[in-house]
Amino acid sequence: MELLGLYHYWVFAILLMTGFYAVVAKLNLFKKLIGLSLFQAAVFLLYITMSKVDGGTAPIFSGAADAVFSNPLPQVLILTAIVVGISTTALGLGIVVRIKEEYGSIEEDEIQEIDRR
């Protein structure tokens, strides 16, 4: 296997680390949510690229006993994960809006400083 031939794994790794960095290092709650979404997208990309079968066809009854079929389960699971990810992001945004109303800021350090007083 060539190093550059597996470019989708490089893209996955870069997206994953970028999202992880945003979740861990950023103090802005909105940026943390964007990082979480980026992290989720990287995991989706990994699962979708791993489920690809070279020469595979759709698992529709064709009568051929020696046909290679692609498994549709990873795509179905990713569709479910996308719905859960969107719901999580929407809930997170709702919480961030509520925090902004209560504290007047979405910066984590400012919120902690207000809580200390």
Protein backbone atom coordinates (compact mmCIF):
# COMPACT_ATOMS: atom_id res chain seq x y z
CA MET A 1 0.00 0.00 0.00
CA GLU A 2 1.30 3.38 -0.94
CA LEU A 3 1.52 6.11 1.63
CA LEU A 4 -0.30 8.68 -0.51
CA GLY A 5 -2.70 6.06 -1.85
CA LEU A 6 -4.43 6.11 1.49
CA TYR A 7 -5.11 9.84 1.45
CA HIS A 8 -8.56 9.43 3.00
CA TYR A 9 -6.93 8.14 6.19
CA TRP A 10 -4.72 11.25 6.27
CA VAL A 11 -7.82 13.42 5.85
CA PHE A 12 -9.49 11.46 8.63
CA ALA A 13 -6.51 11.90 10.95
CA ILE A 14 -6.22 15.64 10.27
CA LEU A 15 -9.95 16.24 10.80
CA LEU A 16 -9.92 14.13 13.94
CA MET A 17 -6.97 15.94 15.49
CA THR A 18 -8.32 19.36 14.49
CA GLY A 19 -11.67 18.59 16.11
CA PHE A 20 -10.00 17.16 19.20
CA TYR A 21 -7.78 20.24 19.51
CA ALA A 22 -10.81 22.53 19.27
CA VAL A 23 -12.69 20.62 21.96
CA VAL A 24 -9.74 20.53 24.36
CA ALA A 25 -7.92 23.83 23.78
CA LYS A 26 -10.55 26.42 22.85
CA LEU A 27 -12.30 28.40 25.56
CA ASN A 28 -15.24 29.55 23.44
CA LEU A 29 -18.15 27.15 23.89
CA PHE A 30 -19.35 27.62 20.31
CA LYS A 31 -15.89 26.72 18.98
CA LYS A 32 -15.96 23.61 21.17
CA LEU A 33 -19.23 22.57 19.53
CA ILE A 34 -17.77 23.12 16.07
CA GLY A 35 -14.78 21.00 17.09
CA LEU A 36 -17.10 18.25 18.32
CA SER A 37 -18.95 18.30 14.99
CA LEU A 38 -15.65 18.11 13.12
CA PHE A 39 -14.57 15.18 15.30
CA GLN A 40 -17.85 13.39 14.54
CA ALA A 41 -17.47 14.01 10.82
CA ALA A 42 -13.99 12.48 10.91
CA VAL A 43 -15.32 9.34 12.57
CA PHE A 44 -18.10 9.15 9.98
CA LEU A 45 -15.51 9.42 7.22
CA LEU A 46 -13.47 6.61 8.76
CA TYR A 47 -16.42 4.23 8.98
CA ILE A 48 -17.62 5.00 5.46
CA THR A 49 -14.19 4.53 3.89
CA MET A 50 -13.58 1.29 5.79
CA SER A 51 -16.85 -0.20 4.59
CA LYS A 52 -15.92 0.15 0.90
CA VAL A 53 -15.51 -3.24 -0.81
CA ASP A 54 -13.57 -3.29 -4.08
CA GLY A 55 -15.75 -4.81 -6.76
CA GLY A 56 -18.68 -5.11 -4.39
CA THR A 57 -22.24 -4.70 -5.57
CA ALA A 58 -25.46 -3.86 -3.82
CA PRO A 59 -26.80 -6.79 -1.77
CA ILE A 60 -29.79 -7.35 -4.00
CA PHE A 61 -30.76 -10.90 -4.87
CA SER A 62 -29.20 -11.54 -8.25
CA GLY A 63 -28.94 -15.30 -8.26
CA ALA A 64 -25.15 -15.24 -8.62
CA ALA A 65 -23.54 -17.39 -5.95
CA ASP A 66 -20.03 -16.02 -6.42
CA ALA A 67 -20.89 -12.29 -6.37
CA VAL A 68 -19.12 -9.98 -3.90
CA PHE A 69 -21.56 -7.86 -1.96
CA SER A 70 -20.99 -4.66 -0.02
CA ASN A 71 -22.36 -4.61 3.50
CA PRO A 72 -24.96 -1.81 3.87
CA LEU A 73 -24.88 -1.90 7.68
CA PRO A 74 -22.05 0.68 8.13
CA GLN A 75 -23.90 3.23 5.98
CA VAL A 76 -27.10 2.67 7.95
CA LEU A 77 -25.26 3.09 11.23
CA ILE A 78 -23.62 6.28 9.99
CA LEU A 79 -27.01 7.70 8.95
CA THR A 80 -28.23 7.05 12.49
CA ALA A 81 -25.06 8.61 13.92
CA ILE A 82 -25.55 11.71 11.75
CA VAL A 83 -29.05 12.18 13.16
CA VAL A 84 -27.74 11.75 16.71
CA GLY A 85 -24.85 14.16 15.97
CA ILE A 86 -27.21 16.83 14.65
CA SER A 87 -29.44 16.41 17.70
CA THR A 88 -26.44 16.68 20.02
CA THR A 89 -25.24 19.82 18.25
CA ALA A 90 -28.70 21.39 18.42
CA LEU A 91 -28.97 20.64 22.13
CA GLY A 92 -25.46 22.03 22.69
CA LEU A 93 -26.33 25.21 20.82
CA GLY A 94 -29.45 25.58 22.93
CA ILE A 95 -27.39 25.23 26.09
CA VAL A 96 -24.83 27.76 24.80
CA VAL A 97 -27.64 30.26 24.10
CA ARG A 98 -28.98 29.75 27.62
CA ILE A 99 -25.48 30.20 29.11
CA LYS A 100 -25.08 33.42 27.09
CA GLU A 101 -28.39 34.71 28.49
CA GLU A 102 -27.42 33.85 32.06
CA TYR A 103 -23.75 34.85 32.13
CA GLY A 104 -23.48 37.30 29.24
CA SER A 105 -20.53 35.38 27.77
CA ILE A 106 -19.71 32.07 26.13
CA GLU A 107 -16.03 32.12 27.08
CA GLU A 108 -15.28 29.34 29.54
CA ASP A 109 -12.79 31.31 31.65
CA GLU A 110 -15.19 34.26 32.06
CA ILE A 111 -18.02 31.92 33.10
CA GLN A 112 -15.79 30.24 35.70
CA GLU A 113 -14.71 33.65 37.01
CA ILE A 114 -18.35 34.71 37.41
CA ASP A 115 -19.10 31.45 39.24
CA ARG A 116 -16.20 32.01 41.66
CA ARG A 117 -17.58 35.40 42.79
